[in-house]
């Protein structure tokens, strides 16, 4: 009985509620929604989360083992990295980080979707690279989050 109660509470937490993170100002948000070309020698990386599943959860995101910030449903981050290199994008999951290796070319933007997946105790997170049209359509409906601190 106790286990069923814990499982029910965990499921409700995954599906309902809404986590919040510090947001960037509207001018910055508008600038990055125009999907500008990155600075010379750099690549741009958009990491976004648009699923309502697990909206009560915040999950850390790192690029090359440096904290980007905590994600929440309805937000995106934009960062520039050195182009013509492979970068590791990571997200906090239930028991360990999940990583995505992304080979970048200078002058291009890349799009990574973070999504929440059911877990044993609490929802985990994972990442996948998304094509430009799908990602830009999703990001147009989201808000830019401020890079910040991670929980771990």
Protein backbone atom coordinates (compact mmCIF):
# COMPACT_ATOMS: atom_id res chain seq x y z
CA UNK A 1 0.00 0.00 0.00
CA UNK A 2 2.79 2.42 0.97
CA UNK A 3 4.66 1.70 -2.28
CA UNK A 4 1.53 2.41 -4.33
CA UNK A 5 1.13 5.75 -2.54
CA UNK A 6 4.72 6.74 -3.28
CA UNK A 7 4.34 5.70 -6.91
CA UNK A 8 1.13 7.72 -7.23
CA UNK A 9 2.74 10.84 -5.75
CA UNK A 10 5.74 10.46 -8.06
CA UNK A 11 3.48 10.11 -11.11
CA UNK A 12 1.43 13.18 -10.19
CA UNK A 13 4.63 15.17 -9.69
CA UNK A 14 5.87 14.14 -13.13
CA UNK A 15 2.70 15.11 -14.94
CA UNK A 16 1.57 18.22 -13.06
CA UNK A 17 3.09 21.33 -11.57
CA UNK A 18 5.44 23.73 -13.21
CA UNK A 19 9.07 24.41 -12.42
CA UNK A 20 10.48 27.88 -12.98
CA UNK A 21 13.96 29.10 -13.84
CA UNK A 22 15.41 32.63 -14.29
CA UNK A 23 14.38 34.06 -17.65
CA UNK A 24 16.27 36.37 -20.01
CA UNK A 25 14.78 39.68 -21.11
CA UNK A 26 12.44 39.95 -24.11
CA UNK A 27 15.05 41.68 -26.30
CA UNK A 28 17.50 38.79 -25.96
CA UNK A 29 14.71 36.29 -26.52
CA UNK A 30 13.68 38.07 -29.73
CA UNK A 31 17.28 38.28 -30.93
CA UNK A 32 17.86 34.53 -30.62
CA UNK A 33 14.48 33.66 -32.10
CA UNK A 34 15.74 35.23 -35.33
CA UNK A 35 18.35 32.42 -35.33
CA UNK A 36 21.39 34.60 -36.09
CA UNK A 37 24.56 33.15 -37.53
CA UNK A 38 27.14 32.55 -34.76
CA UNK A 39 30.25 34.71 -34.41
CA UNK A 40 33.22 33.90 -36.67
CA UNK A 41 34.80 30.56 -35.77
CA UNK A 42 31.89 29.56 -33.52
CA UNK A 43 28.84 27.33 -33.72
CA UNK A 44 25.55 28.07 -31.96
CA UNK A 45 23.76 25.50 -29.82
CA UNK A 46 20.10 25.81 -28.89
CA UNK A 47 18.96 23.42 -26.14
CA UNK A 48 15.22 23.44 -25.57
CA UNK A 49 12.50 21.68 -23.64
CA UNK A 50 8.90 21.92 -24.83
CA UNK A 51 7.16 18.89 -23.36
CA UNK A 52 4.56 19.29 -20.63
CA UNK A 53 5.36 15.80 -19.32
CA UNK A 54 7.45 16.25 -16.20
CA UNK A 55 6.85 20.00 -16.08
CA UNK A 56 7.39 20.04 -12.30
CA UNK A 57 10.98 18.84 -12.81
CA UNK A 58 14.06 20.97 -13.35
CA UNK A 59 17.03 19.21 -14.92
CA UNK A 60 20.62 20.41 -15.22
CA UNK A 61 22.20 20.91 -18.65
CA UNK A 62 25.95 21.08 -19.30
CA UNK A 63 28.01 21.71 -22.41
CA UNK A 64 31.55 20.34 -22.29
CA UNK A 65 31.13 19.74 -18.53
CA UNK A 66 30.29 23.42 -17.88
CA UNK A 67 26.93 24.25 -16.36
CA UNK A 68 24.45 25.91 -18.71
CA UNK A 69 21.63 25.98 -16.15
CA UNK A 70 18.53 24.20 -15.02
CA UNK A 71 15.86 23.57 -17.61
CA UNK A 72 12.11 23.70 -17.18
CA UNK A 73 9.25 23.11 -19.57
CA UNK A 74 8.75 25.92 -22.08
CA UNK A 75 12.32 27.27 -22.14
CA UNK A 76 15.42 27.23 -24.30
CA UNK A 77 19.08 28.15 -23.89
CA UNK A 78 21.41 29.51 -26.56
CA UNK A 79 25.19 29.30 -26.32
CA UNK A 80 28.06 29.64 -28.71
CA UNK A 81 30.89 27.13 -28.73
CA UNK A 82 34.05 26.81 -30.78
CA UNK A 83 33.20 25.53 -34.25
CA UNK A 84 34.73 22.56 -36.04
CA UNK A 85 34.90 20.52 -32.83
CA UNK A 86 32.90 17.81 -31.11
CA UNK A 87 31.04 19.02 -28.02
CA UNK A 88 29.43 17.02 -25.25
CA UNK A 89 25.94 18.12 -24.24
CA UNK A 90 24.78 16.48 -21.01
CA UNK A 91 21.63 16.42 -18.97
CA UNK A 92 20.86 15.27 -15.48
CA UNK A 93 18.91 12.06 -15.36
CA UNK A 94 17.61 9.81 -12.63
CA UNK A 95 20.87 8.06 -11.69
CA UNK A 96 23.58 9.55 -13.93
CA UNK A 97 24.04 12.09 -16.70
CA UNK A 98 22.98 11.34 -20.27
CA UNK A 99 25.33 12.68 -22.95
CA UNK A 100 25.00 13.62 -26.60
CA UNK A 101 28.13 14.18 -28.70
CA UNK A 102 27.63 16.88 -31.30
CA UNK A 103 30.11 17.54 -34.12
CA UNK A 104 29.86 21.22 -35.01
CA UNK A 105 30.88 23.28 -38.00
CA UNK A 106 31.77 26.94 -37.56
CA UNK A 107 29.00 29.30 -38.69
CA UNK A 108 26.13 26.87 -38.12
CA UNK A 109 23.43 26.53 -35.48
CA UNK A 110 22.54 23.19 -33.90
CA UNK A 111 19.37 22.20 -32.07
CA UNK A 112 19.10 19.80 -29.16
CA UNK A 113 15.84 18.81 -27.53
CA UNK A 114 15.81 17.79 -23.88
CA UNK A 115 12.92 15.53 -22.98
CA UNK A 116 11.71 13.94 -19.77
CA UNK A 117 11.23 10.20 -19.64
CA UNK A 118 9.62 8.07 -16.94
CA UNK A 119 12.01 6.78 -14.31
CA UNK A 120 12.05 4.36 -11.44
CA UNK A 121 11.68 6.99 -8.70
CA UNK A 122 11.46 10.28 -10.55
CA UNK A 123 11.59 11.28 -14.21
CA UNK A 124 14.90 11.21 -16.00
CA UNK A 125 15.99 13.36 -18.90
CA UNK A 126 17.60 12.68 -22.24
CA UNK A 127 18.74 14.63 -25.30
CA UNK A 128 18.37 14.30 -29.04
CA UNK A 129 19.50 16.39 -31.97
CA UNK A 130 16.57 17.86 -33.92
CA UNK A 131 16.47 19.20 -37.47
CA UNK A 132 16.30 22.95 -38.01
CA UNK A 133 12.67 23.39 -39.17
CA UNK A 134 11.21 21.33 -36.30
CA UNK A 135 13.42 22.98 -33.68
CA UNK A 136 12.87 26.54 -34.89
CA UNK A 137 9.08 26.03 -34.89
CA UNK A 138 9.26 24.75 -31.30
CA UNK A 139 11.66 27.46 -30.08
CA UNK A 140 9.41 30.20 -31.53
CA UNK A 141 6.86 29.24 -28.84
CA UNK A 142 9.34 29.08 -25.94
CA UNK A 143 11.16 31.61 -23.76
CA UNK A 144 14.89 32.15 -23.43
CA UNK A 145 16.24 31.16 -20.02
CA UNK A 146 19.24 32.86 -18.44
CA UNK A 147 22.31 30.68 -18.16
CA UNK A 148 22.71 29.96 -14.49
CA UNK A 149 23.77 27.53 -11.89
CA UNK A 150 23.16 23.82 -11.82
CA UNK A 151 21.82 21.92 -8.86
CA UNK A 152 24.79 19.53 -8.78
